[in-house]
């Protein structure tokens, strides 16, 4: 019975081997290098070396191309940055020119140019007019009238009369100044 089982198993194995595709059969063939001979081995080695060399060269060319593209991108980015910087500088110079023109039109001294902060021409002109008025007001101070100014003490002017005249004119500041001076003995009594 064991012989029959062995035969059945053998015939089943053979059928399974025949039904499997050729690719899945166990490799019973000899390696290519053994069947080619010396000339075939040399040709195969030469082809493999040529393929490795070409793949290496292809990789180098791809790397070189990528480096070129990166360099171009860098140049483009550098050019874009330079253009942006030039544009900002141009805008800054325009603003400074407008500021100087407005200051010159209104005769504003350089010490007051920092007060002109507007960014448009109309705003700068309005600010320049205001600053010019303030500068003009500062340069021509108003002096309070002093009734005792220019009067000689030797003329014997009466301080009391000056105080009365200042109070009747509503000039209490002068009146107080005269009274303080009289109290400390600085004016004629």
Protein backbone atom coordinates (compact mmCIF):
# COMPACT_ATOMS: atom_id res chain seq x y z
CA UNK A 1 0.00 0.00 0.00
CA UNK A 2 2.82 2.29 0.58
CA UNK A 3 3.89 1.87 -3.03
CA UNK A 4 0.51 3.03 -4.22
CA UNK A 5 0.55 6.05 -2.00
CA UNK A 6 3.97 7.00 -3.28
CA UNK A 7 2.80 6.68 -6.88
CA UNK A 8 -0.31 8.74 -6.24
CA UNK A 9 1.68 11.44 -4.58
CA UNK A 10 4.17 11.47 -7.40
CA UNK A 11 1.53 11.73 -10.08
CA UNK A 12 -0.25 14.53 -8.17
CA UNK A 13 3.00 16.45 -7.81
CA UNK A 14 3.63 16.14 -11.51
CA UNK A 15 0.16 17.42 -12.35
CA UNK A 16 0.59 20.40 -10.03
CA UNK A 17 3.92 21.23 -11.61
CA UNK A 18 2.39 21.10 -15.07
CA UNK A 19 -0.53 23.36 -14.11
CA UNK A 20 1.69 26.05 -12.59
CA UNK A 21 2.91 28.79 -14.93
CA UNK A 22 6.44 28.49 -16.19
CA UNK A 23 7.59 31.44 -14.05
CA UNK A 24 6.62 29.75 -10.81
CA UNK A 25 8.42 26.50 -11.50
CA UNK A 26 11.46 26.01 -9.40
CA UNK A 27 14.55 27.08 -11.26
CA UNK A 28 16.41 24.05 -12.41
CA UNK A 29 18.28 25.93 -15.08
CA UNK A 30 21.92 26.79 -14.80
CA UNK A 31 22.99 30.41 -14.21
CA UNK A 32 23.53 32.44 -17.38
CA UNK A 33 27.20 32.83 -16.65
CA UNK A 34 27.70 29.06 -16.76
CA UNK A 35 25.91 28.60 -20.10
CA UNK A 36 27.45 31.59 -21.92
CA UNK A 37 31.06 30.63 -21.87
CA UNK A 38 34.01 33.02 -21.53
CA UNK A 39 33.06 35.29 -24.45
CA UNK A 40 29.46 35.58 -23.23
CA UNK A 41 30.61 36.32 -19.70
CA UNK A 42 32.86 39.10 -20.95
CA UNK A 43 30.05 40.58 -23.07
CA UNK A 44 27.60 40.41 -20.15
CA UNK A 45 30.10 42.07 -17.80
CA UNK A 46 30.77 44.76 -20.39
CA UNK A 47 27.04 45.45 -20.79
CA UNK A 48 26.56 45.62 -17.03
CA UNK A 49 29.49 48.02 -16.67
CA UNK A 50 28.18 50.16 -19.54
CA UNK A 51 24.75 50.29 -17.90
CA UNK A 52 26.23 51.34 -14.53
CA UNK A 53 28.31 54.02 -16.27
CA UNK A 54 25.28 55.34 -18.18
CA UNK A 55 23.13 55.38 -15.05
CA UNK A 56 25.87 57.25 -13.23
CA UNK A 57 26.16 59.76 -16.09
CA UNK A 58 22.37 60.18 -16.20
CA UNK A 59 22.31 60.91 -12.47
CA UNK A 60 25.10 63.47 -12.88
CA UNK A 61 23.22 65.16 -15.74
CA UNK A 62 20.01 65.27 -13.72
CA UNK A 63 21.87 66.75 -10.75
CA UNK A 64 23.51 69.34 -13.03
CA UNK A 65 20.16 70.28 -14.56
CA UNK A 66 18.61 70.65 -11.09
CA UNK A 67 21.54 72.82 -10.00
CA UNK A 68 21.05 75.03 -13.07
CA UNK A 69 17.35 75.40 -12.32
CA UNK A 70 18.11 76.23 -8.71
CA UNK A 71 20.67 78.81 -9.81
CA UNK A 72 18.11 80.38 -12.13
CA UNK A 73 15.58 80.48 -9.33
CA UNK A 74 18.13 82.11 -7.09
CA UNK A 75 18.88 84.71 -9.76
CA UNK A 76 15.17 85.36 -10.22
CA UNK A 77 14.66 85.66 -6.49
CA UNK A 78 17.67 87.97 -6.22
CA UNK A 79 16.31 90.10 -9.04
CA UNK A 80 12.88 90.24 -7.40
CA UNK A 81 14.43 91.29 -4.09
CA UNK A 82 16.54 93.95 -5.80
CA UNK A 83 13.48 95.27 -7.64
CA UNK A 84 11.50 95.41 -4.39
CA UNK A 85 14.34 97.21 -2.61
CA UNK A 86 14.67 99.72 -5.46
CA UNK A 87 10.93 100.33 -5.41
CA UNK A 88 10.95 101.00 -1.66
CA UNK A 89 13.92 103.34 -2.02
CA UNK A 90 12.17 105.19 -4.86
CA UNK A 91 9.03 105.61 -2.76
CA UNK A 92 11.10 106.86 0.17
CA UNK A 93 12.91 109.39 -2.02
CA UNK A 94 9.61 110.59 -3.51
CA UNK A 95 8.18 111.12 -0.03
CA UNK A 96 11.31 113.02 1.02
CA UNK A 97 11.14 115.16 -2.13
CA UNK A 98 7.48 116.02 -1.47
CA UNK A 99 8.34 116.88 2.12
CA UNK A 100 11.22 119.17 1.07
CA UNK A 101 9.09 120.87 -1.59
CA UNK A 102 6.32 121.60 0.92
CA UNK A 103 8.85 122.91 3.43
CA UNK A 104 10.48 125.13 0.81
CA UNK A 105 7.14 126.52 -0.39
CA UNK A 106 6.29 127.59 3.16
CA UNK A 107 9.82 128.65 4.18
CA UNK A 108 10.05 126.14 7.01
CA UNK A 109 13.53 125.90 8.60
CA UNK A 110 15.27 122.50 8.51
CA UNK A 111 14.88 122.17 12.29
CA UNK A 112 11.13 121.75 11.80
CA UNK A 113 11.07 119.33 8.83
CA UNK A 114 10.51 116.38 11.18
CA UNK A 115 7.04 117.78 11.90
CA UNK A 116 5.98 117.05 8.32
CA UNK A 117 4.80 113.45 8.53
CA UNK A 118 2.02 113.10 5.94
CA UNK A 119 2.61 110.70 3.05
CA UNK A 120 0.55 112.40 0.34
CA UNK A 121 1.14 115.77 -1.27
CA UNK A 122 -2.07 117.40 -0.04
CA UNK A 123 -1.46 116.30 3.55
CA UNK A 124 2.10 117.59 3.44
CA UNK A 125 0.96 120.98 2.13
CA UNK A 126 -1.60 121.29 4.91
CA UNK A 127 0.94 120.31 7.55
CA UNK A 128 3.50 122.68 6.06
CA UNK A 129 1.05 125.59 6.25
CA UNK A 130 0.33 124.82 9.91
CA UNK A 131 4.02 124.42 10.80
CA UNK A 132 4.86 127.65 8.96
CA UNK A 133 2.27 129.53 11.04
CA UNK A 134 3.67 128.08 14.26
CA UNK A 135 7.25 128.89 13.29
CA UNK A 136 6.27 132.44 12.34
CA UNK A 137 4.47 132.87 15.65
CA UNK A 138 7.50 131.60 17.54
CA UNK A 139 9.89 133.91 15.69
CA UNK A 140 7.86 137.07 16.40
CA UNK A 141 7.02 136.94 20.10
CA UNK A 142 4.42 139.34 21.43
CA UNK A 143 5.68 141.48 24.25
CA UNK A 144 3.39 142.62 27.00
CA UNK A 145 3.26 146.37 27.19
CA UNK A 146 5.05 147.81 30.17
CA UNK A 147 3.87 151.28 31.08
CA UNK A 148 7.04 151.89 33.05
CA UNK A 149 9.29 150.94 30.17
CA UNK A 150 11.25 153.83 28.83
CA UNK A 151 10.31 156.10 31.73
CA UNK A 152 13.26 157.44 33.61
CA UNK A 153 13.17 157.20 37.38
CA UNK A 154 14.64 160.58 37.63
CA UNK A 155 11.50 162.15 36.17
CA UNK A 156 9.76 161.50 39.43
CA UNK A 157 6.98 159.44 37.96
CA UNK A 158 4.64 158.28 40.59
CA UNK A 159 4.36 154.49 40.96
CA UNK A 160 0.95 154.86 42.51
CA UNK A 161 -0.30 156.69 39.40
CA UNK A 162 1.10 153.93 37.21
CA UNK A 163 -0.62 151.28 39.30
CA UNK A 164 -3.92 153.18 39.09
CA UNK A 165 -3.56 153.60 35.32
CA UNK A 166 -2.78 149.88 34.85
CA UNK A 167 -5.79 148.87 36.97
CA UNK A 168 -8.11 151.23 35.12
CA UNK A 169 -6.94 149.76 31.80
CA UNK A 170 -7.58 146.24 33.15
CA UNK A 171 -3.88 145.37 33.08
CA UNK A 172 -3.73 143.63 36.41
CA UNK A 173 -0.47 141.87 35.56
CA UNK A 174 1.36 145.18 35.25
CA UNK A 175 -0.40 146.48 38.33
CA UNK A 176 0.79 143.50 40.39
CA UNK A 177 4.34 143.81 38.99
CA UNK A 178 4.43 147.49 39.98
CA UNK A 179 3.10 146.73 43.44
CA UNK A 180 5.71 144.00 43.98
CA UNK A 181 8.41 146.38 42.82
CA UNK A 182 7.12 149.08 45.14
CA UNK A 183 7.04 146.68 48.05
CA UNK A 184 10.65 145.65 47.54
CA UNK A 185 11.74 149.23 47.00
CA UNK A 186 12.75 148.87 43.38
CA UNK A 187 10.67 151.75 42.03
CA UNK A 188 9.98 155.33 43.12
CA UNK A 189 7.45 155.70 45.86
